[in-house]
Amino acid sequence: MAEREQLGNTKDADIERSTEDIRQDIDREKENITQTVEQIGERIEEKLDWREYVKDSPYWTIGAAAGLGFLASRMFITRTTPMERIAASIAEEVRGSLVGLRAGAAGPGLIKVALQVIATKAAASLIKKAISTTVASGGAGPRPQTGQDSTIIQKLDASKNN
């Protein structure tokens, strides 16, 4: 019976010892996992650090920055429409004519120059109004008449009579 008690005690000791070994193994594995996670974190930080890339390849970095800057600038450029270009060129011509008129305004023809300026402004506003009307109507300007009173029909009739 003493042997049985001794066997029972050794089984209990083995069980207790094995649980203690298991706890020690778990603690060791926790430390290993913690070290591994820290190493992975350091590697990730190294890979994501842009300063290292700049140090390693500065020419590629400058090229990439220039390319991205070019693409960004192309996204924000506004394009002028053909009607805006026409209006701008007309405005430039009017300004040019006004500069010449202002130079002659110092002499006795001041009234003449003033009338020319008024006429030029009126012409520019008429052109601007015609352009805005054309744009508002979707680019469709006035169409030629093809009825009885049109000049096209009269010219055709005149050519047939000759």
C-alpha atoms as a PDB file:
ATOM      1  CA  MET A   1       0.000   0.000   0.000  1.00  0.00           C
ATOM      2  CA  ALA A   2       2.869   2.244   0.637  1.00  0.00           C
ATOM      3  CA  GLU A   3       3.866   1.658  -2.926  1.00  0.00           C
ATOM      4  CA  ARG A   4       0.450   2.763  -4.103  1.00  0.00           C
ATOM      5  CA  GLU A   5       0.621   5.906  -2.051  1.00  0.00           C
ATOM      6  CA  GLN A   6       4.083   6.581  -3.349  1.00  0.00           C
ATOM      7  CA  LEU A   7       2.887   6.040  -6.943  1.00  0.00           C
ATOM      8  CA  GLY A   8      -0.063   8.318  -6.307  1.00  0.00           C
ATOM      9  CA  ASN A   9       2.267  10.978  -4.927  1.00  0.00           C
ATOM     10  CA  THR A  10       4.582  10.736  -7.928  1.00  0.00           C
ATOM     11  CA  LYS A  11       1.628  11.077 -10.289  1.00  0.00           C
ATOM     12  CA  ASP A  12       0.518  14.182  -8.435  1.00  0.00           C
ATOM     13  CA  ALA A  13       4.096  15.475  -8.496  1.00  0.00           C
ATOM     14  CA  ASP A  14       4.308  14.766 -12.220  1.00  0.00           C
ATOM     15  CA  ILE A  15       1.065  16.617 -12.796  1.00  0.00           C
ATOM     16  CA  GLU A  16       2.168  19.564 -10.707  1.00  0.00           C
ATOM     17  CA  ARG A  17       5.543  19.568 -12.324  1.00  0.00           C
ATOM     18  CA  SER A  18       4.113  19.416 -15.781  1.00  0.00           C
ATOM     19  CA  THR A  19       1.764  22.343 -15.101  1.00  0.00           C
ATOM     20  CA  GLU A  20       4.726  24.314 -13.802  1.00  0.00           C
ATOM     21  CA  ASP A  21       6.694  23.373 -16.933  1.00  0.00           C
ATOM     22  CA  ILE A  22       3.749  24.441 -19.063  1.00  0.00           C
ATOM     23  CA  ARG A  23       3.591  27.803 -17.329  1.00  0.00           C
ATOM     24  CA  GLN A  24       7.300  28.322 -17.853  1.00  0.00           C
ATOM     25  CA  ASP A  25       6.954  27.348 -21.519  1.00  0.00           C
ATOM     26  CA  ILE A  26       4.089  29.830 -21.913  1.00  0.00           C
ATOM     27  CA  ASP A  27       6.160  32.585 -20.319  1.00  0.00           C
ATOM     28  CA  ARG A  28       9.089  31.810 -22.630  1.00  0.00           C
ATOM     29  CA  GLU A  29       6.823  31.842 -25.674  1.00  0.00           C
ATOM     30  CA  LYS A  30       5.292  35.150 -24.593  1.00  0.00           C
ATOM     31  CA  GLU A  31       8.753  36.665 -24.458  1.00  0.00           C
ATOM     32  CA  ASN A  32       9.636  35.220 -27.867  1.00  0.00           C
ATOM     33  CA  ILE A  33       6.404  36.542 -29.410  1.00  0.00           C
ATOM     34  CA  THR A  34       6.954  39.951 -27.842  1.00  0.00           C
ATOM     35  CA  GLN A  35      10.473  40.128 -29.274  1.00  0.00           C
ATOM     36  CA  THR A  36       9.254  39.009 -32.696  1.00  0.00           C
ATOM     37  CA  VAL A  37       6.474  41.603 -32.740  1.00  0.00           C
ATOM     38  CA  GLU A  38       8.941  44.329 -31.762  1.00  0.00           C
ATOM     39  CA  GLN A  39      11.316  43.266 -34.552  1.00  0.00           C
ATOM     40  CA  ILE A  40       8.486  43.308 -37.091  1.00  0.00           C
ATOM     41  CA  GLY A  41       7.416  46.757 -35.887  1.00  0.00           C
ATOM     42  CA  GLU A  42      10.946  48.077 -36.318  1.00  0.00           C
ATOM     43  CA  ARG A  43      11.175  46.646 -39.832  1.00  0.00           C
ATOM     44  CA  ILE A  44       7.850  48.208 -40.777  1.00  0.00           C
ATOM     45  CA  GLU A  45       8.983  51.583 -39.471  1.00  0.00           C
ATOM     46  CA  GLU A  46      12.203  51.295 -41.481  1.00  0.00           C
ATOM     47  CA  LYS A  47      10.294  50.424 -44.652  1.00  0.00           C
ATOM     48  CA  LEU A  48       7.795  53.252 -44.246  1.00  0.00           C
ATOM     49  CA  ASP A  49      10.367  55.923 -43.427  1.00  0.00           C
ATOM     50  CA  TRP A  50      10.530  58.159 -46.505  1.00  0.00           C
ATOM     51  CA  ARG A  51      13.795  59.690 -45.378  1.00  0.00           C
ATOM     52  CA  GLU A  52      15.571  56.394 -45.995  1.00  0.00           C
ATOM     53  CA  TYR A  53      14.240  56.255 -49.553  1.00  0.00           C
ATOM     54  CA  VAL A  54      15.463  59.805 -50.176  1.00  0.00           C
ATOM     55  CA  LYS A  55      18.891  58.934 -48.800  1.00  0.00           C
ATOM     56  CA  ASP A  56      19.084  55.736 -50.845  1.00  0.00           C
ATOM     57  CA  SER A  57      17.932  57.170 -54.176  1.00  0.00           C
ATOM     58  CA  PRO A  58      17.719  60.968 -54.303  1.00  0.00           C
ATOM     59  CA  TYR A  59      17.437  61.198 -58.105  1.00  0.00           C
ATOM     60  CA  TRP A  60      14.414  58.923 -58.220  1.00  0.00           C
ATOM     61  CA  THR A  61      12.839  60.977 -55.462  1.00  0.00           C
ATOM     62  CA  ILE A  62      13.378  64.244 -57.329  1.00  0.00           C
ATOM     63  CA  GLY A  63      11.950  62.697 -60.506  1.00  0.00           C
ATOM     64  CA  ALA A  64       8.894  61.380 -58.692  1.00  0.00           C
ATOM     65  CA  ALA A  65       8.296  64.746 -57.033  1.00  0.00           C
ATOM     66  CA  ALA A  66       8.602  66.551 -60.371  1.00  0.00           C
ATOM     67  CA  GLY A  67       6.216  64.103 -62.039  1.00  0.00           C
ATOM     68  CA  LEU A  68       3.645  64.432 -59.287  1.00  0.00           C
ATOM     69  CA  GLY A  69       3.955  68.211 -59.384  1.00  0.00           C
ATOM     70  CA  PHE A  70       3.422  68.228 -63.141  1.00  0.00           C
ATOM     71  CA  LEU A  71       0.341  66.016 -62.867  1.00  0.00           C
ATOM     72  CA  ALA A  72      -1.096  68.153 -60.084  1.00  0.00           C
ATOM     73  CA  SER A  73      -0.538  71.344 -62.079  1.00  0.00           C
ATOM     74  CA  ARG A  74      -2.285  69.850 -65.128  1.00  0.00           C
ATOM     75  CA  MET A  75      -5.319  69.053 -63.008  1.00  0.00           C
ATOM     76  CA  PHE A  76      -5.821  72.687 -61.991  1.00  0.00           C
ATOM     77  CA  ILE A  77      -5.291  74.426 -65.350  1.00  0.00           C
ATOM     78  CA  THR A  78      -8.468  75.974 -66.716  1.00  0.00           C
ATOM     79  CA  ARG A  79      -8.975  75.813 -70.439  1.00  0.00           C
ATOM     80  CA  THR A  80     -10.389  78.780 -72.330  1.00  0.00           C
ATOM     81  CA  THR A  81     -13.242  78.201 -74.722  1.00  0.00           C
ATOM     82  CA  PRO A  82     -13.055  79.439 -78.317  1.00  0.00           C
ATOM     83  CA  MET A  83     -15.608  82.149 -77.543  1.00  0.00           C
ATOM     84  CA  GLU A  84     -13.488  83.420 -74.645  1.00  0.00           C
ATOM     85  CA  ARG A  85     -10.429  83.534 -76.902  1.00  0.00           C
ATOM     86  CA  ILE A  86     -12.355  85.502 -79.537  1.00  0.00           C
ATOM     87  CA  ALA A  87     -13.668  87.947 -76.934  1.00  0.00           C
ATOM     88  CA  ALA A  88     -10.159  88.369 -75.509  1.00  0.00           C
ATOM     89  CA  SER A  89      -8.674  89.149 -78.917  1.00  0.00           C
ATOM     90  CA  ILE A  90     -11.455  91.660 -79.648  1.00  0.00           C
ATOM     91  CA  ALA A  91     -10.886  93.315 -76.281  1.00  0.00           C
ATOM     92  CA  GLU A  92      -7.172  93.527 -77.016  1.00  0.00           C
ATOM     93  CA  GLU A  93      -7.835  95.158 -80.376  1.00  0.00           C
ATOM     94  CA  VAL A  94     -10.180  97.675 -78.761  1.00  0.00           C
ATOM     95  CA  ARG A  95      -7.582  98.483 -76.111  1.00  0.00           C
ATOM     96  CA  GLY A  96      -4.959  98.962 -78.821  1.00  0.00           C
ATOM     97  CA  SER A  97      -7.175 101.357 -80.731  1.00  0.00           C
ATOM     98  CA  LEU A  98      -7.961 103.289 -77.564  1.00  0.00           C
ATOM     99  CA  VAL A  99      -4.262 103.745 -76.806  1.00  0.00           C
ATOM    100  CA  GLY A 100      -3.769 105.336 -80.214  1.00  0.00           C
ATOM    101  CA  LEU A 101      -6.799 107.538 -79.724  1.00  0.00           C
ATOM    102  CA  ARG A 102      -5.687 108.696 -76.301  1.00  0.00           C
ATOM    103  CA  ALA A 103      -2.349 109.798 -77.724  1.00  0.00           C
ATOM    104  CA  GLY A 104      -4.145 112.147 -80.134  1.00  0.00           C
ATOM    105  CA  ALA A 105      -6.549 113.387 -77.459  1.00  0.00           C
ATOM    106  CA  ALA A 106      -4.179 116.112 -76.269  1.00  0.00           C
ATOM    107  CA  GLY A 107      -4.807 118.239 -79.355  1.00  0.00           C
ATOM    108  CA  PRO A 108      -7.869 120.065 -80.658  1.00  0.00           C
ATOM    109  CA  GLY A 109      -9.648 116.866 -81.752  1.00  0.00           C
ATOM    110  CA  LEU A 110     -10.734 115.997 -78.196  1.00  0.00           C
ATOM    111  CA  ILE A 111     -14.415 115.824 -79.110  1.00  0.00           C
ATOM    112  CA  LYS A 112     -13.631 113.653 -82.120  1.00  0.00           C
ATOM    113  CA  VAL A 113     -11.615 111.282 -79.958  1.00  0.00           C
ATOM    114  CA  ALA A 114     -14.354 111.157 -77.318  1.00  0.00           C
ATOM    115  CA  LEU A 115     -16.910 110.257 -79.983  1.00  0.00           C
ATOM    116  CA  GLN A 116     -14.614 107.558 -81.363  1.00  0.00           C
ATOM    117  CA  VAL A 117     -14.183 106.105 -77.885  1.00  0.00           C
ATOM    118  CA  ILE A 118     -17.945 106.046 -77.365  1.00  0.00           C
ATOM    119  CA  ALA A 119     -18.445 104.413 -80.765  1.00  0.00           C
ATOM    120  CA  THR A 120     -15.752 101.822 -80.013  1.00  0.00           C
ATOM    121  CA  LYS A 121     -17.312 100.982 -76.650  1.00  0.00           C
ATOM    122  CA  ALA A 122     -20.730 100.657 -78.259  1.00  0.00           C
ATOM    123  CA  ALA A 123     -19.320  98.367 -80.961  1.00  0.00           C
ATOM    124  CA  ALA A 124     -17.558  96.247 -78.344  1.00  0.00           C
ATOM    125  CA  SER A 125     -20.740  95.910 -76.287  1.00  0.00           C
ATOM    126  CA  LEU A 126     -22.715  94.904 -79.404  1.00  0.00           C
ATOM    127  CA  ILE A 127     -20.128  92.263 -80.260  1.00  0.00           C
ATOM    128  CA  LYS A 128     -20.129  91.030 -76.681  1.00  0.00           C
ATOM    129  CA  LYS A 129     -23.922  90.840 -76.689  1.00  0.00           C
ATOM    130  CA  ALA A 130     -23.902  88.919 -79.979  1.00  0.00           C
ATOM    131  CA  ILE A 131     -21.333  86.481 -78.624  1.00  0.00           C
ATOM    132  CA  SER A 132     -23.240  85.916 -75.384  1.00  0.00           C
ATOM    133  CA  THR A 133     -26.474  85.400 -77.362  1.00  0.00           C
ATOM    134  CA  THR A 134     -24.734  82.852 -79.577  1.00  0.00           C
ATOM    135  CA  VAL A 135     -23.327  81.035 -76.566  1.00  0.00           C
ATOM    136  CA  ALA A 136     -26.679  81.070 -74.779  1.00  0.00           C
ATOM    137  CA  SER A 137     -28.444  79.625 -77.828  1.00  0.00           C
ATOM    138  CA  GLY A 138     -25.986  76.751 -77.971  1.00  0.00           C
ATOM    139  CA  GLY A 139     -23.835  78.079 -80.799  1.00  0.00           C
ATOM    140  CA  ALA A 140     -26.711  78.305 -83.269  1.00  0.00           C
ATOM    141  CA  GLY A 141     -26.549  81.683 -84.960  1.00  0.00           C
ATOM    142  CA  PRO A 142     -29.121  83.217 -87.290  1.00  0.00           C
ATOM    143  CA  ARG A 143     -29.998  80.983 -90.248  1.00  0.00           C
ATOM    144  CA  PRO A 144     -30.346  82.279 -93.821  1.00  0.00           C
ATOM    145  CA  GLN A 145     -33.887  82.601 -95.092  1.00  0.00           C
ATOM    146  CA  THR A 146     -34.943  80.247 -97.819  1.00  0.00           C
ATOM    147  CA  GLY A 147     -38.516  81.445 -98.377  1.00  0.00           C
ATOM    148  CA  GLN A 148     -39.949  83.670-101.151  1.00  0.00           C
ATOM    149  CA  ASP A 149     -38.388  86.835 -99.750  1.00  0.00           C
ATOM    150  CA  SER A 150     -34.859  85.466 -99.425  1.00  0.00           C
ATOM    151  CA  THR A 151     -32.030  86.900-101.468  1.00  0.00           C
ATOM    152  CA  ILE A 152     -30.827  83.397-102.350  1.00  0.00           C
ATOM    153  CA  ILE A 153     -34.042  82.603-104.204  1.00  0.00           C
ATOM    154  CA  GLN A 154     -33.951  85.976-105.989  1.00  0.00           C
ATOM    155  CA  LYS A 155     -30.364  85.390-107.140  1.00  0.00           C
ATOM    156  CA  LEU A 156     -31.282  81.925-108.410  1.00  0.00           C
ATOM    157  CA  ASP A 157     -34.269  83.327-110.299  1.00  0.00           C
ATOM    158  CA  ALA A 158     -32.096  86.060-111.831  1.00  0.00           C
ATOM    159  CA  SER A 159     -29.508  83.532-112.992  1.00  0.00           C
ATOM    160  CA  LYS A 160     -32.230  81.392-114.629  1.00  0.00           C
ATOM    161  CA  ASN A 161     -33.594  84.381-116.558  1.00  0.00           C
ATOM    162  CA  ASN A 162     -30.191  85.232-118.038  1.00  0.00           C
END
